[in-house]
Amino acid sequence: MAFNKSVKDKILVDRQSGERFPCVMCGGRFPLPEAAHIIDFSEWKERIGSDRQVNGIPLCPNCHKVFDEVLRPYLYNALKHFGIDGLPDCWKKSNKISEITGFDLPIDTE
């Protein structure tokens, strides 16, 4: 589910300059960044009860896909390895189905 328009505008547009923020991963400004949920909307809504700006980052469509399918599961595994608890359940695995989902980025334990 996408952010509502007012929250999305807060995530994507600098209030002082009125310019759109670049993608936080690649720095690209084209194609226009999307507002990506850091924690899936349904889990965030269950925990917090409302759609909020702090749960979003501007990402281009390509980086949005990489974030959802590769980085969130990898980050979850890395943080769990270092003993962090209370992580969002949605980070455990990719929330999309595609060829990229099978990536295994092992954590070096040595």
PDB file of N, CA and C in Angstrom:
ATOM      1  N   MET A   1       0.846  -1.177   0.000  1.00  0.00           N
ATOM      2  CA  MET A   1       0.000   0.000   0.000  1.00  0.00           C
ATOM      3  C   MET A   1       0.892   1.241   0.000  1.00  0.00           C
ATOM      4  N   ALA A   2       0.550   2.209  -0.776  1.00  0.00           N
ATOM      5  CA  ALA A   2       1.334   3.438  -0.879  1.00  0.00           C
ATOM      6  C   ALA A   2       0.988   4.407   0.253  1.00  0.00           C
ATOM      7  N   PHE A   3       1.905   5.338   0.496  1.00  0.00           N
ATOM      8  CA  PHE A   3       1.643   6.399   1.462  1.00  0.00           C
ATOM      9  C   PHE A   3       0.506   7.287   0.959  1.00  0.00           C
ATOM     10  N   ASN A   4      -0.222   7.910   1.895  1.00  0.00           N
ATOM     11  CA  ASN A   4      -1.194   8.895   1.428  1.00  0.00           C
ATOM     12  C   ASN A   4      -0.415  10.099   0.909  1.00  0.00           C
ATOM     13  N   LYS A   5      -1.038  10.920   0.078  1.00  0.00           N
ATOM     14  CA  LYS A   5      -0.339  11.980  -0.651  1.00  0.00           C
ATOM     15  C   LYS A   5       0.388  12.964   0.263  1.00  0.00           C
ATOM     16  N   SER A   6      -0.209  13.394   1.352  1.00  0.00           N
ATOM     17  CA  SER A   6       0.439  14.389   2.205  1.00  0.00           C
ATOM     18  C   SER A   6       1.695  13.824   2.875  1.00  0.00           C
ATOM     19  N   VAL A   7       1.650  12.562   3.290  1.00  0.00           N
ATOM     20  CA  VAL A   7       2.833  11.930   3.898  1.00  0.00           C
ATOM     21  C   VAL A   7       3.904  11.717   2.832  1.00  0.00           C
ATOM     22  N   LYS A   8       3.509  11.264   1.659  1.00  0.00           N
ATOM     23  CA  LYS A   8       4.452  11.034   0.562  1.00  0.00           C
ATOM     24  C   LYS A   8       5.166  12.330   0.194  1.00  0.00           C
ATOM     25  N   ASP A   9       4.438  13.434   0.134  1.00  0.00           N
ATOM     26  CA  ASP A   9       5.057  14.726  -0.193  1.00  0.00           C
ATOM     27  C   ASP A   9       6.100  15.126   0.844  1.00  0.00           C
ATOM     28  N   LYS A  10       5.850  14.824   2.109  1.00  0.00           N
ATOM     29  CA  LYS A  10       6.817  15.146   3.163  1.00  0.00           C
ATOM     30  C   LYS A  10       8.085  14.314   3.024  1.00  0.00           C
ATOM     31  N   ILE A  11       7.950  13.094   2.526  1.00  0.00           N
ATOM     32  CA  ILE A  11       9.100  12.207   2.350  1.00  0.00           C
ATOM     33  C   ILE A  11       9.911  12.595   1.121  1.00  0.00           C
ATOM     34  N   LEU A  12       9.246  13.032   0.069  1.00  0.00           N
ATOM     35  CA  LEU A  12       9.901  13.250  -1.211  1.00  0.00           C
ATOM     36  C   LEU A  12      10.325  14.682  -1.501  1.00  0.00           C
ATOM     37  N   VAL A  13       9.758  15.676  -0.805  1.00  0.00           N
ATOM     38  CA  VAL A  13      10.006  17.075  -1.164  1.00  0.00           C
ATOM     39  C   VAL A  13      10.603  17.840   0.018  1.00  0.00           C
ATOM     40  N   ASP A  14      11.708  18.543  -0.240  1.00  0.00           N
ATOM     41  CA  ASP A  14      12.341  19.388   0.773  1.00  0.00           C
ATOM     42  C   ASP A  14      11.434  20.591   1.025  1.00  0.00           C
ATOM     43  N   ARG A  15      10.993  20.755   2.274  1.00  0.00           N
ATOM     44  CA  ARG A  15      10.062  21.846   2.597  1.00  0.00           C
ATOM     45  C   ARG A  15      10.661  23.227   2.359  1.00  0.00           C
ATOM     46  N   GLN A  16      11.957  23.381   2.585  1.00  0.00           N
ATOM     47  CA  GLN A  16      12.575  24.698   2.435  1.00  0.00           C
ATOM     48  C   GLN A  16      12.768  25.085   0.977  1.00  0.00           C
ATOM     49  N   SER A  17      13.303  24.177   0.169  1.00  0.00           N
ATOM     50  CA  SER A  17      13.593  24.526  -1.227  1.00  0.00           C
ATOM     51  C   SER A  17      12.462  24.168  -2.180  1.00  0.00           C
ATOM     52  N   GLY A  18      11.613  23.230  -1.779  1.00  0.00           N
ATOM     53  CA  GLY A  18      10.548  22.770  -2.663  1.00  0.00           C
ATOM     54  C   GLY A  18      11.027  21.758  -3.690  1.00  0.00           C
ATOM     55  N   GLU A  19      12.329  21.414  -3.661  1.00  0.00           N
ATOM     56  CA  GLU A  19      12.876  20.442  -4.610  1.00  0.00           C
ATOM     57  C   GLU A  19      12.668  19.026  -4.101  1.00  0.00           C
ATOM     58  N   ARG A  20      12.578  18.107  -5.053  1.00  0.00           N
ATOM     59  CA  ARG A  20      12.446  16.693  -4.689  1.00  0.00           C
ATOM     60  C   ARG A  20      13.790  16.176  -4.198  1.00  0.00           C
ATOM     61  N   PHE A  21      13.746  15.333  -3.168  1.00  0.00           N
ATOM     62  CA  PHE A  21      14.955  14.688  -2.684  1.00  0.00           C
ATOM     63  C   PHE A  21      15.408  13.640  -3.690  1.00  0.00           C
ATOM     64  N   PRO A  22      16.708  13.393  -3.795  1.00  0.00           N
ATOM     65  CA  PRO A  22      17.187  12.307  -4.653  1.00  0.00           C
ATOM     66  C   PRO A  22      16.980  10.956  -3.970  1.00  0.00           C
ATOM     67  N   CYS A  23      17.177   9.899  -4.718  1.00  0.00           N
ATOM     68  CA  CYS A  23      17.153   8.551  -4.158  1.00  0.00           C
ATOM     69  C   CYS A  23      18.256   8.458  -3.103  1.00  0.00           C
ATOM     70  N   VAL A  24      17.934   7.949  -1.918  1.00  0.00           N
ATOM     71  CA  VAL A  24      18.925   7.886  -0.844  1.00  0.00           C
ATOM     72  C   VAL A  24      19.989   6.812  -1.087  1.00  0.00           C
ATOM     73  N   MET A  25      19.763   5.895  -2.009  1.00  0.00           N
ATOM     74  CA  MET A  25      20.761   4.855  -2.273  1.00  0.00           C
ATOM     75  C   MET A  25      21.702   5.229  -3.409  1.00  0.00           C
ATOM     76  N   CYS A  26      21.175   5.676  -4.528  1.00  0.00           N
ATOM     77  CA  CYS A  26      22.034   5.943  -5.684  1.00  0.00           C
ATOM     78  C   CYS A  26      22.216   7.432  -5.970  1.00  0.00           C
ATOM     79  N   GLY A  27      21.400   8.266  -5.347  1.00  0.00           N
ATOM     80  CA  GLY A  27      21.509   9.709  -5.572  1.00  0.00           C
ATOM     81  C   GLY A  27      20.817  10.184  -6.832  1.00  0.00           C
ATOM     82  N   GLY A  28      20.230   9.259  -7.560  1.00  0.00           N
ATOM     83  CA  GLY A  28      19.570   9.614  -8.806  1.00  0.00           C
ATOM     84  C   GLY A  28      18.315  10.454  -8.599  1.00  0.00           C
ATOM     85  N   ARG A  29      18.049  11.294  -9.547  1.00  0.00           N
ATOM     86  CA  ARG A  29      16.841  12.112  -9.510  1.00  0.00           C
ATOM     87  C   ARG A  29      15.875  11.723 -10.618  1.00  0.00           C
ATOM     88  N   PHE A  30      16.313  10.822 -11.517  1.00  0.00           N
ATOM     89  CA  PHE A  30      15.442  10.346 -12.573  1.00  0.00           C
ATOM     90  C   PHE A  30      15.652   8.853 -12.709  1.00  0.00           C
ATOM     91  N   PRO A  31      14.635   8.035 -12.740  1.00  0.00           N
ATOM     92  CA  PRO A  31      13.237   8.426 -12.621  1.00  0.00           C
ATOM     93  C   PRO A  31      12.932   8.960 -11.230  1.00  0.00           C
ATOM     94  N   LEU A  32      11.852   9.680 -11.144  1.00  0.00           N
ATOM     95  CA  LEU A  32      11.509  10.320  -9.884  1.00  0.00           C
ATOM     96  C   LEU A  32      11.453   9.315  -8.748  1.00  0.00           C
ATOM     97  N   PRO A  33      12.049   9.670  -7.614  1.00  0.00           N
ATOM     98  CA  PRO A  33      12.012   8.747  -6.467  1.00  0.00           C
ATOM     99  C   PRO A  33      10.592   8.436  -6.025  1.00  0.00           C
ATOM    100  N   GLU A  34      10.469   7.270  -5.453  1.00  0.00           N
ATOM    101  CA  GLU A  34       9.217   6.832  -4.853  1.00  0.00           C
ATOM    102  C   GLU A  34       9.388   6.932  -3.341  1.00  0.00           C
ATOM    103  N   ALA A  35       8.308   6.961  -2.638  1.00  0.00           N
ATOM    104  CA  ALA A  35       8.377   6.891  -1.179  1.00  0.00           C
ATOM    105  C   ALA A  35       8.268   5.425  -0.797  1.00  0.00           C
ATOM    106  N   ALA A  36       9.327   4.874  -0.238  1.00  0.00           N
ATOM    107  CA  ALA A  36       9.348   3.460   0.132  1.00  0.00           C
ATOM    108  C   ALA A  36       9.146   3.297   1.627  1.00  0.00           C
ATOM    109  N   HIS A  37       8.314   2.347   2.001  1.00  0.00           N
ATOM    110  CA  HIS A  37       8.135   2.035   3.415  1.00  0.00           C
ATOM    111  C   HIS A  37       9.369   1.311   3.934  1.00  0.00           C
ATOM    112  N   ILE A  38       9.898   1.733   5.060  1.00  0.00           N
ATOM    113  CA  ILE A  38      10.992   1.024   5.703  1.00  0.00           C
ATOM    114  C   ILE A  38      10.432  -0.241   6.348  1.00  0.00           C
ATOM    115  N   ILE A  39       9.334  -0.108   7.045  1.00  0.00           N
ATOM    116  CA  ILE A  39       8.608  -1.249   7.603  1.00  0.00           C
ATOM    117  C   ILE A  39       7.296  -1.340   6.820  1.00  0.00           C
ATOM    118  N   ASP A  40       6.960  -2.547   6.346  1.00  0.00           N
ATOM    119  CA  ASP A  40       5.752  -2.713   5.533  1.00  0.00           C
ATOM    120  C   ASP A  40       4.556  -2.022   6.172  1.00  0.00           C
ATOM    121  N   PHE A  41       3.719  -1.455   5.332  1.00  0.00           N
ATOM    122  CA  PHE A  41       2.588  -0.657   5.789  1.00  0.00           C
ATOM    123  C   PHE A  41       1.724  -1.396   6.807  1.00  0.00           C
ATOM    124  N   SER A  42       1.393  -2.657   6.524  1.00  0.00           N
ATOM    125  CA  SER A  42       0.486  -3.378   7.415  1.00  0.00           C
ATOM    126  C   SER A  42       1.107  -3.572   8.798  1.00  0.00           C
ATOM    127  N   GLU A  43       2.397  -3.896   8.858  1.00  0.00           N
ATOM    128  CA  GLU A  43       3.053  -4.084  10.157  1.00  0.00           C
ATOM    129  C   GLU A  43       3.196  -2.745  10.885  1.00  0.00           C
ATOM    130  N   TRP A  44       3.537  -1.702  10.160  1.00  0.00           N
ATOM    131  CA  TRP A  44       3.656  -0.366  10.746  1.00  0.00           C
ATOM    132  C   TRP A  44       2.319   0.085  11.312  1.00  0.00           C
ATOM    133  N   LYS A  45       1.265  -0.098  10.540  1.00  0.00           N
ATOM    134  CA  LYS A  45      -0.084   0.297  10.953  1.00  0.00           C
ATOM    135  C   LYS A  45      -0.484  -0.448  12.231  1.00  0.00           C
ATOM    136  N   GLU A  46      -0.131  -1.741  12.306  1.00  0.00           N
ATOM    137  CA  GLU A  46      -0.442  -2.531  13.488  1.00  0.00           C
ATOM    138  C   GLU A  46       0.324  -2.022  14.709  1.00  0.00           C
ATOM    139  N   ARG A  47       1.592  -1.666  14.527  1.00  0.00           N
ATOM    140  CA  ARG A  47       2.426  -1.199  15.642  1.00  0.00           C
ATOM    141  C   ARG A  47       2.102   0.242  16.067  1.00  0.00           C
ATOM    142  N   ILE A  48       1.941   1.121  15.091  1.00  0.00           N
ATOM    143  CA  ILE A  48       1.838   2.559  15.364  1.00  0.00           C
ATOM    144  C   ILE A  48       0.411   3.088  15.230  1.00  0.00           C
ATOM    145  N   GLY A  49      -0.324   2.584  14.249  1.00  0.00           N
ATOM    146  CA  GLY A  49      -1.703   2.988  14.079  1.00  0.00           C
ATOM    147  C   GLY A  49      -1.944   4.071  13.044  1.00  0.00           C
ATOM    148  N   SER A  50      -0.868   4.608  12.454  1.00  0.00           N
ATOM    149  CA  SER A  50      -1.056   5.631  11.422  1.00  0.00           C
ATOM    150  C   SER A  50       0.128   5.616  10.462  1.00  0.00           C
ATOM    151  N   ASP A  51      -0.092   6.150   9.278  1.00  0.00           N
ATOM    152  CA  ASP A  51       0.958   6.252   8.265  1.00  0.00           C
ATOM    153  C   ASP A  51       1.785   7.492   8.582  1.00  0.00           C
ATOM    154  N   ARG A  52       3.096   7.341   8.793  1.00  0.00           N
ATOM    155  CA  ARG A  52       3.915   8.474   9.215  1.00  0.00           C
ATOM    156  C   ARG A  52       5.158   8.627   8.360  1.00  0.00           C
ATOM    157  N   GLN A  53       5.622   9.849   8.275  1.00  0.00           N
ATOM    158  CA  GLN A  53       6.788  10.219   7.485  1.00  0.00           C
ATOM    159  C   GLN A  53       8.051   9.457   7.914  1.00  0.00           C
ATOM    160  N   VAL A  54       8.208   9.183   9.202  1.00  0.00           N
ATOM    161  CA  VAL A  54       9.423   8.525   9.684  1.00  0.00           C
ATOM    162  C   VAL A  54       9.558   7.092   9.166  1.00  0.00           C
ATOM    163  N   ASN A  55       8.511   6.552   8.592  1.00  0.00           N
ATOM    164  CA  ASN A  55       8.558   5.200   8.047  1.00  0.00           C
ATOM    165  C   ASN A  55       8.806   5.211   6.542  1.00  0.00           C
ATOM    166  N   GLY A  56       9.364   6.273   6.016  1.00  0.00           N
ATOM    167  CA  GLY A  56       9.575   6.327   4.582  1.00  0.00           C
ATOM    168  C   GLY A  56      10.904   6.925   4.194  1.00  0.00           C
ATOM    169  N   ILE A  57      11.408   6.498   3.040  1.00  0.00           N
ATOM    170  CA  ILE A  57      12.611   7.070   2.454  1.00  0.00           C
ATOM    171  C   ILE A  57      12.390   7.214   0.955  1.00  0.00           C
ATOM    172  N   PRO A  58      13.015   8.227   0.338  1.00  0.00           N
ATOM    173  CA  PRO A  58      12.900   8.355  -1.113  1.00  0.00           C
ATOM    174  C   PRO A  58      13.873   7.407  -1.821  1.00  0.00           C
ATOM    175  N   LEU A  59      13.337   6.573  -2.685  1.00  0.00           N
ATOM    176  CA  LEU A  59      14.139   5.641  -3.471  1.00  0.00           C
ATOM    177  C   LEU A  59      13.666   5.669  -4.916  1.00  0.00           C
ATOM    178  N   CYS A  60      14.611   5.544  -5.860  1.00  0.00           N
ATOM    179  CA  CYS A  60      14.198   5.396  -7.253  1.00  0.00           C
ATOM    180  C   CYS A  60      13.594   4.001  -7.396  1.00  0.00           C
ATOM    181  N   PRO A  61      12.850   3.742  -8.455  1.00  0.00           N
ATOM    182  CA  PRO A  61      12.218   2.432  -8.604  1.00  0.00           C
ATOM    183  C   PRO A  61      13.202   1.256  -8.562  1.00  0.00           C
ATOM    184  N   ASN A  62      14.386   1.420  -9.148  1.00  0.00           N
ATOM    185  CA  ASN A  62      15.370   0.327  -9.134  1.00  0.00           C
ATOM    186  C   ASN A  62      15.880   0.054  -7.724  1.00  0.00           C
ATOM    187  N   CYS A  63      16.254   1.098  -7.007  1.00  0.00           N
ATOM    188  CA  CYS A  63      16.756   0.919  -5.650  1.00  0.00           C
ATOM    189  C   CYS A  63      15.652   0.453  -4.703  1.00  0.00           C
ATOM    190  N   HIS A  64      14.417   0.852  -4.971  1.00  0.00           N
ATOM    191  CA  HIS A  64      13.280   0.388  -4.174  1.00  0.00           C
ATOM    192  C   HIS A  64      13.201  -1.139  -4.246  1.00  0.00           C
ATOM    193  N   LYS A  65      13.363  -1.675  -5.449  1.00  0.00           N
ATOM    194  CA  LYS A  65      13.317  -3.130  -5.638  1.00  0.00           C
ATOM    195  C   LYS A  65      14.470  -3.801  -4.888  1.00  0.00           C
ATOM    196  N   VAL A  66      15.681  -3.270  -5.000  1.00  0.00           N
ATOM    197  CA  VAL A  66      16.838  -3.842  -4.314  1.00  0.00           C
ATOM    198  C   VAL A  66      16.652  -3.764  -2.798  1.00  0.00           C
ATOM    199  N   PHE A  67      16.148  -2.639  -2.313  1.00  0.00           N
ATOM    200  CA  PHE A  67      15.904  -2.463  -0.879  1.00  0.00           C
ATOM    201  C   PHE A  67      14.937  -3.523  -0.367  1.00  0.00           C
ATOM    202  N   ASP A  68      13.803  -3.672  -1.048  1.00  0.00           N
ATOM    203  CA  ASP A  68      12.777  -4.621  -0.613  1.00  0.00           C
ATOM    204  C   ASP A  68      13.235  -6.073  -0.708  1.00  0.00           C
ATOM    205  N   GLU A  69      13.941  -6.413  -1.787  1.00  0.00           N
ATOM    206  CA  GLU A  69      14.226  -7.815  -2.062  1.00  0.00           C
ATOM    207  C   GLU A  69      15.557  -8.310  -1.525  1.00  0.00           C
ATOM    208  N   VAL A  70      16.520  -7.433  -1.331  1.00  0.00           N
ATOM    209  CA  VAL A  70      17.848  -7.878  -0.922  1.00  0.00           C
ATOM    210  C   VAL A  70      18.279  -7.265   0.408  1.00  0.00           C
ATOM    211  N   LEU A  71      18.230  -5.957   0.510  1.00  0.00           N
ATOM    212  CA  LEU A  71      18.822  -5.290   1.668  1.00  0.00           C
ATOM    213  C   LEU A  71      18.070  -5.511   2.967  1.00  0.00           C
ATOM    214  N   ARG A  72      16.739  -5.438   2.944  1.00  0.00           N
ATOM    215  CA  ARG A  72      16.001  -5.628   4.198  1.00  0.00           C
ATOM    216  C   ARG A  72      16.243  -7.015   4.796  1.00  0.00           C
ATOM    217  N   PRO A  73      16.144  -8.103   4.015  1.00  0.00           N
ATOM    218  CA  PRO A  73      16.428  -9.421   4.605  1.00  0.00           C
ATOM    219  C   PRO A  73      17.876  -9.542   5.087  1.00  0.00           C
ATOM    220  N   TYR A  74      18.822  -8.989   4.331  1.00  0.00           N
ATOM    221  CA  TYR A  74      20.218  -9.045   4.732  1.00  0.00           C
ATOM    222  C   TYR A  74      20.440  -8.254   6.021  1.00  0.00           C
ATOM    223  N   LEU A  75      19.870  -7.072   6.097  1.00  0.00           N
ATOM    224  CA  LEU A  75      19.987  -6.248   7.294  1.00  0.00           C
ATOM    225  C   LEU A  75      19.381  -6.964   8.500  1.00  0.00           C
ATOM    226  N   TYR A  76      18.240  -7.594   8.306  1.00  0.00           N
ATOM    227  CA  TYR A  76      17.596  -8.357   9.382  1.00  0.00           C
ATOM    228  C   TYR A  76      18.554  -9.431   9.917  1.00  0.00           C
ATOM    229  N   ASN A  77      19.144 -10.212   9.006  1.00  0.00           N
ATOM    230  CA  ASN A  77      20.054 -11.278   9.417  1.00  0.00           C
ATOM    231  C   ASN A  77      21.288 -10.726  10.121  1.00  0.00           C
ATOM    232  N   ALA A  78      21.839  -9.650   9.604  1.00  0.00           N
ATOM    233  CA  ALA A  78      23.028  -9.050  10.229  1.00  0.00           C
ATOM    234  C   ALA A  78      22.712  -8.535  11.626  1.00  0.00           C
ATOM    235  N   LEU A  79      21.612  -7.836  11.788  1.00  0.00           N
ATOM    236  CA  LEU A  79      21.253  -7.295  13.097  1.00  0.00           C
ATOM    237  C   LEU A  79      20.927  -8.410  14.091  1.00  0.00           C
ATOM    238  N   LYS A  80      20.233  -9.453  13.640  1.00  0.00           N
ATOM    239  CA  LYS A  80      19.945 -10.587  14.511  1.00  0.00           C
ATOM    240  C   LYS A  80      21.246 -11.257  14.966  1.00  0.00           C
ATOM    241  N   HIS A  81      22.195 -11.378  14.031  1.00  0.00           N
ATOM    242  CA  HIS A  81      23.489 -11.985  14.338  1.00  0.00           C
ATOM    243  C   HIS A  81      24.196 -11.224  15.470  1.00  0.00           C
ATOM    244  N   PHE A  82      24.023  -9.930  15.503  1.00  0.00           N
ATOM    245  CA  PHE A  82      24.658  -9.108  16.532  1.00  0.00           C
ATOM    246  C   PHE A  82      23.776  -8.893  17.758  1.00  0.00           C
ATOM    247  N   GLY A  83      22.674  -9.676  17.854  1.00  0.00           N
ATOM    248  CA  GLY A  83      21.874  -9.690  19.067  1.00  0.00           C
ATOM    249  C   GLY A  83      20.788  -8.645  19.182  1.00  0.00           C
ATOM    250  N   ILE A  84      20.417  -8.005  18.087  1.00  0.00           N
ATOM    251  CA  ILE A  84      19.358  -6.992  18.117  1.00  0.00           C
ATOM    252  C   ILE A  84      18.002  -7.692  18.096  1.00  0.00           C
ATOM    253  N   ASP A  85      17.128  -7.311  19.013  1.00  0.00           N
ATOM    254  CA  ASP A  85      15.779  -7.873  19.076  1.00  0.00           C
ATOM    255  C   ASP A  85      14.743  -6.818  18.697  1.00  0.00           C
ATOM    256  N   GLY A  86      13.518  -7.260  18.486  1.00  0.00           N
ATOM    257  CA  GLY A  86      12.418  -6.344  18.189  1.00  0.00           C
ATOM    258  C   GLY A  86      12.401  -5.829  16.769  1.00  0.00           C
ATOM    259  N   LEU A  87      13.096  -6.515  15.864  1.00  0.00           N
ATOM    260  CA  LEU A  87      13.125  -6.084  14.463  1.00  0.00           C
ATOM    261  C   LEU A  87      11.786  -6.382  13.793  1.00  0.00           C
ATOM    262  N   PRO A  88      11.431  -5.610  12.779  1.00  0.00           N
ATOM    263  CA  PRO A  88      10.167  -5.861  12.082  1.00  0.00           C
ATOM    264  C   PRO A  88      10.152  -7.248  11.438  1.00  0.00           C
ATOM    265  N   ASP A  89       9.065  -7.972  11.600  1.00  0.00           N
ATOM    266  CA  ASP A  89       8.925  -9.291  10.991  1.00  0.00           C
ATOM    267  C   ASP A  89       9.036  -9.231   9.471  1.00  0.00           C
ATOM    268  N   CYS A  90       8.586  -8.121   8.892  1.00  0.00           N
ATOM    269  CA  CYS A  90       8.586  -8.007   7.432  1.00  0.00           C
ATOM    270  C   CYS A  90       9.999  -7.996   6.856  1.00  0.00           C
ATOM    271  N   TRP A  91      11.013  -7.761   7.677  1.00  0.00           N
ATOM    272  CA  TRP A  91      12.395  -7.749   7.186  1.00  0.00           C
ATOM    273  C   TRP A  91      12.978  -9.144   7.040  1.00  0.00           C
ATOM    274  N   LYS A  92      12.312 -10.168   7.577  1.00  0.00           N
ATOM    275  CA  LYS A  92      12.866 -11.520   7.571  1.00  0.00           C
ATOM    276  C   LYS A  92      13.103 -12.047   6.163  1.00  0.00           C
ATOM    277  N   LYS A  93      12.235 -11.696   5.247  1.00  0.00           N
ATOM    278  CA  LYS A  93      12.375 -12.199   3.885  1.00  0.00           C
ATOM    279  C   LYS A  93      11.902 -11.135   2.906  1.00  0.00           C
ATOM    280  N   SER A  94      12.228 -11.363   1.662  1.00  0.00           N
ATOM    281  CA  SER A  94      11.799 -10.449   0.614  1.00  0.00           C
ATOM    282  C   SER A  94      10.284 -10.350   0.601  1.00  0.00           C
ATOM    283  N   ASN A  95       9.770  -9.155   0.321  1.00  0.00           N
ATOM    284  CA  ASN A  95       8.320  -9.015   0.225  1.00  0.00           C
ATOM    285  C   ASN A  95       7.858  -9.027  -1.227  1.00  0.00           C
ATOM    286  N   LYS A  96       8.733  -9.414  -2.119  1.00  0.00           N
ATOM    287  CA  LYS A  96       8.411  -9.511  -3.540  1.00  0.00           C
ATOM    288  C   LYS A  96       8.824 -10.892  -4.041  1.00  0.00           C
ATOM    289  N   ILE A  97       8.327 -11.255  -5.195  1.00  0.00           N
ATOM    290  CA  ILE A  97       8.721 -12.520  -5.794  1.00  0.00           C
ATOM    291  C   ILE A  97       9.343 -12.221  -7.150  1.00  0.00           C
ATOM    292  N   SER A  98      10.638 -12.490  -7.264  1.00  0.00           N
ATOM    293  CA  SER A  98      11.323 -12.317  -8.540  1.00  0.00           C
ATOM    294  C   SER A  98      12.610 -13.125  -8.506  1.00  0.00           C
ATOM    295  N   GLU A  99      13.368 -13.049  -9.583  1.00  0.00           N
ATOM    296  CA  GLU A  99      14.614 -13.796  -9.669  1.00  0.00           C
ATOM    297  C   GLU A  99      15.643 -13.307  -8.647  1.00  0.00           C
ATOM    298  N   ILE A 100      15.606 -12.056  -8.287  1.00  0.00           N
ATOM    299  CA  ILE A 100      16.595 -11.492  -7.373  1.00  0.00           C
ATOM    300  C   ILE A 100      16.412 -11.994  -5.938  1.00  0.00           C
ATOM    301  N   THR A 101      15.238 -12.514  -5.620  1.00  0.00           N
ATOM    302  CA  THR A 101      14.909 -12.929  -4.262  1.00  0.00           C
ATOM    303  C   THR A 101      15.850 -14.000  -3.727  1.00  0.00           C
ATOM    304  N   GLY A 102      16.411 -14.843  -4.587  1.00  0.00           N
ATOM    305  CA  GLY A 102      17.237 -15.945  -4.139  1.00  0.00           C
ATOM    306  C   GLY A 102      18.633 -15.575  -3.680  1.00  0.00           C
ATOM    307  N   PHE A 103      19.019 -14.317  -3.733  1.00  0.00           N
ATOM    308  CA  PHE A 103      20.357 -13.915  -3.307  1.00  0.00           C
ATOM    309  C   PHE A 103      20.617 -14.300  -1.867  1.00  0.00           C
ATOM    310  N   ASP A 104      21.801 -14.846  -1.611  1.00  0.00           N
ATOM    311  CA  ASP A 104      22.206 -15.150  -0.253  1.00  0.00           C
ATOM    312  C   ASP A 104      23.457 -14.345   0.042  1.00  0.00           C
ATOM    313  N   LEU A 105      23.352 -13.392   0.932  1.00  0.00           N
ATOM    314  CA  LEU A 105      24.488 -12.576   1.330  1.00  0.00           C
ATOM    315  C   LEU A 105      24.895 -13.001   2.730  1.00  0.00           C
ATOM    316  N   PRO A 106      25.783 -13.989   2.834  1.00  0.00           N
ATOM    317  CA  PRO A 106      26.107 -14.517   4.162  1.00  0.00           C
ATOM    318  C   PRO A 106      26.825 -13.480   5.019  1.00  0.00           C
ATOM    319  N   ILE A 107      26.663 -13.644   6.297  1.00  0.00           N
ATOM    320  CA  ILE A 107      27.327 -12.776   7.264  1.00  0.00           C
ATOM    321  C   ILE A 107      28.599 -13.489   7.692  1.00  0.00           C
ATOM    322  N   ASP A 108      29.728 -12.811   7.587  1.00  0.00           N
ATOM    323  CA  ASP A 108      30.995 -13.380   8.007  1.00  0.00           C
ATOM    324  C   ASP A 108      31.028 -13.465   9.526  1.00  0.00           C
ATOM    325  N   THR A 109      31.138 -14.663  10.052  1.00  0.00           N
ATOM    326  CA  THR A 109      31.092 -14.846  11.498  1.00  0.00           C
ATOM    327  C   THR A 109      32.476 -14.989  12.120  1.00  0.00           C
ATOM    328  N   GLU A 110      33.508 -14.821  11.332  1.00  0.00           N
ATOM    329  CA  GLU A 110      34.861 -14.963  11.869  1.00  0.00           C
ATOM    330  C   GLU A 110      35.435 -13.643  12.286  1.00  0.00           C
TER     331      GLU A 110
END
